[in-house]
Amino acid sequence: MRTATYQETYGELTRLIPYRDGWVWYGVLLAALIALPLLLPTYIATYATLVFIAAVGAIGLNLVTGTTGLISLGHAGFLAIGAYTTAILTSKYNVELATAIIASGAMAAAFSALVGIPSLRLKGLYLAVTTLAFSIIVTNIILQAESLTGGSGGISVKRTSLLGLPIDTPTAVYYLCLGTLVLSVLGALNLLRSRVGRAWSSIRDYDIAAILMGINLVYYKLLAFAVSAFLTGVAGALLAIHIRYVNIDAFGVLTSVEALAMIIVGGLASVRGAVLGAFLITILPDLSRLVFSVAGASLAGLSAAHAQELRAVIYALLIMGFLRFEPEGLAAQWTRTKRYWSEWPLTKRSS
């Protein structure tokens, strides 16, 4: 049973990890992830790579929607901007991957002003529709700029080097995505416990009170969109590097809904929740196909013929289910489970 869990100073209250043994467990988790592609089959490492990419994007969306309270349905647009920026820079200009990834995030952050400025006056459904319109506009621009983006045919991605190291194998891409996720998690956690994170939370809870406290809503809302778009653009760059071919079909409205499902299922305003939600939503399509195949050949054929529609239905059911029965998401369930076992055998059954 864990004891002495009280905090006596402000520094202890805002510590990155509340308890010292947490560093040990996270170190064990990181070591296991580093060893994963060396010990397990390639397809599992490929799945893990997709989870890492989705988690980076989910963390970005969670900063603006979960922490700041600004609903965005346009993050597929930022994902597309990041992916196409990397594809263009690597295939047409042979740019090194580190530069291409940073440039992809910066390009998405620059475009975030197009949805950040309307957020100064719009809220709720109106802001959500505006961000959705932004995503559609980005899609149409990519289709029209055929000489640069390849239009509806798409564009290939060249895996160049990263800081002098070749990124030419799935294992190398795995470690690139893992490293980016670790940096994203650490960056988001430190940002949330800083003045910026507290300002974002106050805007979400009551923006009028935030103004009276001296918080500059213009600056912090635009900053929230910029940081969120930067991480999403980086996720788009990693996705382009992973799949090696970018097509606009991968960045439709369903992608934005998928990202929103990740943070709702995982837990709004929680970095851990964004990672857990990304894991569940990423494996969900194949998990559902497995369930349908076990249920019978007719259902398996139905799921194969209507895969996109089935995904949309599953996401809708998940969102409604979690909002109704577990509004704090998987992060809250994780916390309750951890508390139960840390206090066992003195855990109260009522908890």
Protein backbone atom coordinates (compact mmCIF):
# COMPACT_ATOMS: atom_id res chain seq x y z
CA MET A 1 0.00 0.00 0.00
CA ARG A 2 1.34 3.43 -0.92
CA THR A 3 1.67 5.89 1.99
CA ALA A 4 2.72 9.54 2.40
CA THR A 5 0.83 10.61 -0.70
CA TYR A 6 0.21 14.17 0.49
CA GLN A 7 1.94 17.18 -1.07
CA GLU A 8 3.43 19.87 1.16
CA THR A 9 4.80 22.31 -1.43
CA TYR A 10 3.70 23.77 -4.76
CA GLY A 11 6.62 22.02 -6.44
CA GLU A 12 5.37 18.62 -5.25
CA LEU A 13 1.87 19.46 -6.51
CA THR A 14 3.14 20.22 -10.04
CA ARG A 15 5.73 17.45 -10.25
CA LEU A 16 5.95 15.73 -13.64
CA ILE A 17 5.49 12.29 -12.05
CA PRO A 18 3.95 12.37 -8.53
CA TYR A 19 5.84 9.38 -7.11
CA ARG A 20 9.42 8.27 -7.60
CA ASP A 21 8.53 4.68 -8.39
CA GLY A 22 6.62 6.03 -11.40
CA TRP A 23 9.95 6.77 -13.10
CA VAL A 24 10.91 3.11 -12.67
CA TRP A 25 7.69 1.81 -14.25
CA TYR A 26 7.85 4.25 -17.14
CA GLY A 27 11.49 3.28 -17.65
CA VAL A 28 10.46 -0.39 -17.81
CA LEU A 29 7.71 0.48 -20.32
CA LEU A 30 10.15 2.42 -22.50
CA ALA A 31 12.69 -0.42 -22.37
CA ALA A 32 9.97 -2.87 -23.43
CA LEU A 33 8.96 -0.65 -26.35
CA ILE A 34 12.59 -0.34 -27.43
CA ALA A 35 12.97 -4.12 -27.38
CA LEU A 36 9.60 -4.81 -29.06
CA PRO A 37 10.71 -4.84 -32.75
CA LEU A 38 13.66 -7.03 -31.86
CA LEU A 39 11.60 -9.69 -30.09
CA LEU A 40 8.18 -9.72 -31.76
CA PRO A 41 6.99 -10.21 -35.35
CA THR A 42 7.19 -7.33 -37.82
CA TYR A 43 3.43 -6.84 -38.10
CA ILE A 44 3.18 -6.09 -34.36
CA ALA A 45 5.88 -3.45 -34.66
CA THR A 46 3.98 -2.00 -37.63
CA TYR A 47 0.83 -1.77 -35.52
CA ALA A 48 2.81 -0.13 -32.73
CA THR A 49 4.19 2.42 -35.21
CA LEU A 50 0.65 3.36 -36.24
CA VAL A 51 -0.30 3.71 -32.56
CA PHE A 52 2.67 6.04 -31.95
CA ILE A 53 1.70 8.22 -34.91
CA ALA A 54 -1.95 8.36 -33.85
CA ALA A 55 -0.93 9.18 -30.27
CA VAL A 56 1.15 12.19 -31.37
CA GLY A 57 -1.82 13.56 -33.31
CA ALA A 58 -4.24 12.79 -30.47
CA ILE A 59 -2.05 14.65 -27.98
CA GLY A 60 -2.12 17.66 -30.30
CA LEU A 61 -5.91 17.58 -30.65
CA ASN A 62 -6.35 17.07 -26.91
CA LEU A 63 -4.43 20.27 -26.16
CA VAL A 64 -6.90 22.41 -28.10
CA THR A 65 -10.14 20.48 -27.52
CA GLY A 66 -9.62 18.74 -24.18
CA THR A 67 -7.49 21.30 -22.37
CA THR A 68 -8.59 24.59 -23.96
CA GLY A 69 -12.17 23.56 -24.73
CA LEU A 70 -12.12 24.58 -28.42
CA ILE A 71 -13.87 21.88 -30.46
CA SER A 72 -12.00 21.10 -33.68
CA LEU A 73 -13.18 18.82 -36.47
CA GLY A 74 -10.53 20.00 -38.89
CA HIS A 75 -7.44 18.20 -37.69
CA ALA A 76 -7.48 15.95 -40.74
CA GLY A 77 -6.53 19.12 -42.63
CA PHE A 78 -3.48 19.70 -40.43
CA LEU A 79 -2.57 16.02 -40.77
CA ALA A 80 -2.75 16.34 -44.57
CA ILE A 81 -0.64 19.52 -44.54
CA GLY A 82 2.07 17.77 -42.54
CA ALA A 83 2.02 14.64 -44.70
CA TYR A 84 2.13 16.50 -48.02
CA THR A 85 4.83 18.91 -46.80
CA THR A 86 7.10 15.99 -45.95
CA ALA A 87 6.27 14.21 -49.20
CA ILE A 88 7.07 17.29 -51.29
CA LEU A 89 10.27 18.16 -49.43
CA THR A 90 11.69 14.64 -49.52
CA SER A 91 10.62 13.56 -53.02
CA LYS A 92 11.15 16.81 -54.91
CA TYR A 93 13.94 18.50 -52.93
CA ASN A 94 15.67 15.59 -51.15
CA VAL A 95 15.41 17.36 -47.78
CA GLU A 96 16.71 15.57 -44.68
CA LEU A 97 13.94 13.99 -42.57
CA ALA A 98 14.48 16.01 -39.38
CA THR A 99 14.15 19.25 -41.35
CA ALA A 100 11.11 17.92 -43.22
CA ILE A 101 9.33 16.87 -40.01
CA ILE A 102 9.93 20.23 -38.32
CA ALA A 103 8.90 22.06 -41.48
CA SER A 104 5.70 19.99 -41.64
CA GLY A 105 4.78 20.95 -38.09
CA ALA A 106 5.65 24.60 -38.74
CA MET A 107 3.55 24.66 -41.92
CA ALA A 108 0.54 23.22 -40.10
CA ALA A 109 1.04 25.72 -37.25
CA ALA A 110 1.11 28.58 -39.78
CA PHE A 111 -2.19 27.43 -41.29
CA SER A 112 -3.72 27.12 -37.80
CA ALA A 113 -4.31 30.89 -37.84
CA LEU A 114 -7.08 30.28 -40.38
CA VAL A 115 -9.08 28.42 -37.73
CA GLY A 116 -7.53 30.09 -34.69
CA ILE A 117 -8.76 33.58 -35.59
CA PRO A 118 -12.45 32.51 -35.93
CA SER A 119 -12.14 30.82 -32.52
CA LEU A 120 -11.77 34.26 -30.95
CA ARG A 121 -15.49 34.86 -31.57
CA LEU A 122 -16.96 31.41 -32.18
CA LYS A 123 -17.64 28.57 -29.74
CA GLY A 124 -19.12 25.11 -29.66
CA LEU A 125 -20.90 23.89 -32.77
CA TYR A 126 -20.11 27.04 -34.78
CA LEU A 127 -16.38 26.61 -34.23
CA ALA A 128 -16.61 22.88 -35.01
CA VAL A 129 -18.30 23.60 -38.35
CA THR A 130 -15.68 26.26 -39.16
CA THR A 131 -12.80 23.85 -38.52
CA LEU A 132 -14.55 21.19 -40.59
CA ALA A 133 -14.84 23.67 -43.46
CA PHE A 134 -11.11 24.36 -43.14
CA SER A 135 -10.36 20.65 -43.58
CA ILE A 136 -12.52 20.51 -46.72
CA ILE A 137 -10.77 23.60 -48.12
CA VAL A 138 -7.35 22.03 -47.55
CA THR A 139 -8.50 18.89 -49.36
CA ASN A 140 -9.66 20.88 -52.37
CA ILE A 141 -6.45 22.94 -52.51
CA ILE A 142 -4.38 19.75 -52.52
CA LEU A 143 -6.50 18.33 -55.34
CA GLN A 144 -6.18 21.49 -57.42
CA ALA A 145 -2.42 21.92 -56.92
CA GLU A 146 -1.74 18.84 -59.02
CA SER A 147 1.69 19.93 -60.24
CA LEU A 148 2.93 20.12 -56.66
CA THR A 149 0.89 17.53 -54.76
CA GLY A 150 0.06 15.00 -57.47
CA GLY A 151 -3.66 15.81 -57.15
CA SER A 152 -5.96 12.81 -56.83
CA GLY A 153 -3.10 10.49 -57.82
CA GLY A 154 -1.09 11.27 -54.70
CA ILE A 155 2.65 11.61 -54.21
CA SER A 156 5.38 9.24 -53.08
CA VAL A 157 7.60 9.85 -50.07
CA LYS A 158 11.34 9.33 -50.12
CA ARG A 159 12.95 8.11 -46.91
CA THR A 160 16.10 10.16 -46.62
CA SER A 161 18.44 10.23 -43.62
CA LEU A 162 17.80 11.57 -40.13
CA LEU A 163 20.78 13.33 -38.55
CA GLY A 164 23.04 11.23 -40.76
CA LEU A 165 21.29 7.94 -39.96
CA PRO A 166 19.42 6.18 -42.79
CA ILE A 167 15.68 5.67 -42.23
CA ASP A 168 15.20 2.89 -44.75
CA THR A 169 13.65 0.04 -42.75
CA PRO A 170 10.40 -0.45 -40.80
CA THR A 171 12.44 -0.81 -37.61
CA ALA A 172 14.11 2.57 -38.16
CA VAL A 173 10.71 4.17 -38.75
CA TYR A 174 9.44 2.50 -35.57
CA TYR A 175 12.19 4.05 -33.47
CA LEU A 176 11.69 7.44 -35.15
CA CYS A 177 7.99 7.41 -34.26
CA LEU A 178 8.67 6.14 -30.72
CA GLY A 179 11.21 8.90 -30.10
CA THR A 180 8.82 11.53 -31.44
CA LEU A 181 6.04 10.25 -29.19
CA VAL A 182 8.27 10.36 -26.11
CA LEU A 183 9.24 13.97 -26.89
CA SER A 184 5.60 14.87 -27.53
CA VAL A 185 4.46 13.36 -24.23
CA LEU A 186 7.18 15.10 -22.23
CA GLY A 187 6.54 18.39 -24.02
CA ALA A 188 2.77 18.24 -23.47
CA LEU A 189 3.09 17.27 -19.80
CA ASN A 190 5.50 20.10 -19.09
CA LEU A 191 3.32 22.54 -21.02
CA LEU A 192 0.20 21.56 -19.07
CA ARG A 193 1.87 22.15 -15.70
CA SER A 194 3.16 25.57 -16.77
CA ARG A 195 1.47 28.97 -16.88
CA VAL A 196 0.36 28.24 -20.44
CA GLY A 197 -1.42 25.03 -19.45
CA ARG A 198 -3.17 26.71 -16.54
CA ALA A 199 -4.30 29.53 -18.83
CA TRP A 200 -5.72 27.02 -21.33
CA SER A 201 -7.62 25.23 -18.55
CA SER A 202 -9.09 28.48 -17.25
CA ILE A 203 -10.27 29.39 -20.78
CA ARG A 204 -12.00 26.02 -21.01
CA ASP A 205 -13.67 26.33 -17.60
CA TYR A 206 -14.82 29.98 -17.82
CA ASP A 207 -13.30 32.34 -20.35
CA ILE A 208 -14.90 35.49 -18.86
CA ALA A 209 -13.29 34.78 -15.50
CA ALA A 210 -10.01 34.12 -17.32
CA ILE A 211 -10.19 37.59 -18.89
CA LEU A 212 -10.83 39.15 -15.47
CA MET A 213 -7.74 37.34 -14.16
CA GLY A 214 -5.64 39.02 -16.85
CA ILE A 215 -5.33 36.13 -19.29
CA ASN A 216 -4.97 37.24 -22.90
CA LEU A 217 -7.58 35.14 -24.72
CA VAL A 218 -6.33 36.13 -28.19
CA TYR A 219 -2.78 35.01 -27.47
CA TYR A 220 -3.59 31.77 -25.65
CA LYS A 221 -6.30 30.58 -28.07
CA LEU A 222 -4.05 31.17 -31.06
CA LEU A 223 -1.19 29.50 -29.20
CA ALA A 224 -3.38 26.47 -28.43
CA PHE A 225 -4.27 26.05 -32.10
CA ALA A 226 -0.65 26.58 -33.17
CA VAL A 227 0.81 23.98 -30.76
CA SER A 228 -1.99 21.54 -31.54
CA ALA A 229 -1.53 21.97 -35.30
CA PHE A 230 2.26 21.62 -34.97
CA LEU A 231 1.96 18.23 -33.26
CA THR A 232 -0.70 17.11 -35.75
CA GLY A 233 1.51 18.22 -38.65
CA VAL A 234 4.38 16.20 -37.17
CA ALA A 235 2.04 13.20 -36.93
CA GLY A 236 1.17 13.70 -40.61
CA ALA A 237 4.87 13.76 -41.48
CA LEU A 238 5.45 10.51 -39.58
CA LEU A 239 2.46 8.93 -41.31
CA ALA A 240 3.85 9.90 -44.71
CA ILE A 241 7.24 8.44 -43.83
CA HIS A 242 5.63 5.24 -42.60
CA ILE A 243 3.26 4.52 -45.52
CA ARG A 244 5.65 6.02 -48.15
CA TYR A 245 2.79 7.19 -50.35
CA VAL A 246 0.33 10.02 -49.61
CA ASN A 247 -3.14 10.21 -51.10
CA ILE A 248 -5.88 12.67 -50.20
CA ASP A 249 -8.34 9.82 -49.55
CA ALA A 250 -6.59 9.19 -46.23
CA PHE A 251 -7.56 12.62 -44.86
CA GLY A 252 -11.33 12.69 -45.08
CA VAL A 253 -13.94 13.73 -42.52
CA LEU A 254 -13.82 10.26 -40.95
CA THR A 255 -10.18 10.89 -39.99
CA SER A 256 -11.24 13.96 -37.96
CA VAL A 257 -14.00 11.94 -36.30
CA GLU A 258 -11.48 9.20 -35.55
CA ALA A 259 -9.17 11.72 -33.87
CA LEU A 260 -12.06 13.11 -31.83
CA ALA A 261 -13.02 9.57 -30.79
CA MET A 262 -9.46 8.99 -29.55
CA ILE A 263 -9.52 11.86 -27.07
CA ILE A 264 -13.10 11.22 -25.91
CA VAL A 265 -12.52 7.50 -25.39
CA GLY A 266 -9.12 8.11 -23.81
CA GLY A 267 -10.13 11.08 -21.67
CA LEU A 268 -10.27 14.78 -22.42
CA ALA A 269 -7.42 16.98 -21.12
CA SER A 270 -5.28 13.91 -20.35
CA VAL A 271 -2.03 13.07 -22.13
CA ARG A 272 -2.26 9.51 -20.87
CA GLY A 273 -5.84 9.38 -22.13
CA ALA A 274 -4.78 10.52 -25.60
CA VAL A 275 -2.25 7.67 -25.81
CA LEU A 276 -4.73 5.09 -24.51
CA GLY A 277 -7.44 6.32 -26.86
CA ALA A 278 -5.04 6.23 -29.82
CA PHE A 279 -4.16 2.64 -28.97
CA LEU A 280 -7.78 1.50 -28.77
CA ILE A 281 -9.03 3.33 -31.88
CA THR A 282 -6.03 2.21 -33.97
CA ILE A 283 -6.54 -1.49 -33.28
CA LEU A 284 -10.35 -1.26 -33.33
CA PRO A 285 -10.91 -1.84 -37.11
CA ASP A 286 -8.89 -5.06 -37.13
CA LEU A 287 -10.37 -6.08 -33.79
CA SER A 288 -13.90 -5.62 -35.17
CA ARG A 289 -13.00 -7.62 -38.31
CA LEU A 290 -11.77 -10.44 -36.08
CA VAL A 291 -15.02 -10.40 -34.10
CA PHE A 292 -17.11 -10.44 -37.29
CA SER A 293 -15.06 -13.28 -38.77
CA VAL A 294 -15.62 -15.36 -35.65
CA ALA A 295 -19.34 -14.52 -35.70
CA GLY A 296 -19.82 -15.95 -39.20
CA ALA A 297 -18.96 -15.76 -42.88
CA SER A 298 -21.92 -13.53 -43.74
CA LEU A 299 -20.98 -10.93 -41.15
CA ALA A 300 -17.34 -11.12 -42.22
CA GLY A 301 -18.36 -10.40 -45.81
CA LEU A 302 -20.56 -7.54 -44.65
CA SER A 303 -17.70 -5.94 -42.71
CA ALA A 304 -15.36 -6.27 -45.70
CA ALA A 305 -17.86 -4.74 -48.14
CA HIS A 306 -18.81 -1.82 -45.89
CA ALA A 307 -15.61 -1.21 -43.93
CA GLN A 308 -15.80 2.61 -43.97
CA GLU A 309 -19.45 2.71 -42.92
CA LEU A 310 -18.79 0.14 -40.20
CA ARG A 311 -15.91 2.21 -38.82
CA ALA A 312 -18.12 5.31 -38.67
CA VAL A 313 -20.84 3.40 -36.81
CA ILE A 314 -18.36 1.93 -34.32
CA TYR A 315 -16.81 5.35 -33.63
CA ALA A 316 -20.26 6.87 -33.09
CA LEU A 317 -21.25 4.10 -30.68
CA LEU A 318 -17.98 4.42 -28.79
CA ILE A 319 -18.29 8.18 -28.44
CA MET A 320 -21.90 7.95 -27.22
CA GLY A 321 -21.09 5.08 -24.88
CA PHE A 322 -18.14 6.78 -23.23
CA LEU A 323 -19.92 10.13 -22.95
CA ARG A 324 -22.81 8.37 -21.23
CA PHE A 325 -21.10 5.81 -19.02
CA GLU A 326 -17.45 6.92 -18.68
CA PRO A 327 -17.17 10.64 -19.58
CA GLU A 328 -13.63 10.85 -18.19
CA GLY A 329 -12.49 8.07 -20.51
CA LEU A 330 -9.93 5.32 -20.17
CA ALA A 331 -7.60 7.63 -18.22
CA ALA A 332 -10.05 7.69 -15.30
CA GLN A 333 -10.44 3.92 -15.42
CA TRP A 334 -6.64 3.57 -15.42
CA THR A 335 -6.41 5.85 -12.35
CA ARG A 336 -9.08 3.91 -10.45
CA THR A 337 -7.46 0.57 -11.26
CA LYS A 338 -4.03 1.83 -10.23
CA ARG A 339 -5.42 3.26 -6.97
CA TYR A 340 -7.17 -0.01 -6.21
CA TRP A 341 -4.00 -2.08 -6.47
CA SER A 342 -1.75 0.51 -4.81
CA GLU A 343 -4.03 0.46 -1.74
CA TRP A 344 -4.72 -3.28 -1.78
CA PRO A 345 -5.57 -5.14 0.48
CA LEU A 346 -7.09 -2.15 2.29
CA THR A 347 -9.06 -0.99 -0.73
CA LYS A 348 -12.70 -0.27 0.03
CA ARG A 349 -15.04 -2.35 -2.09
CA SER A 350 -17.33 0.66 -2.56
CA SER A 351 -14.58 2.43 -4.55
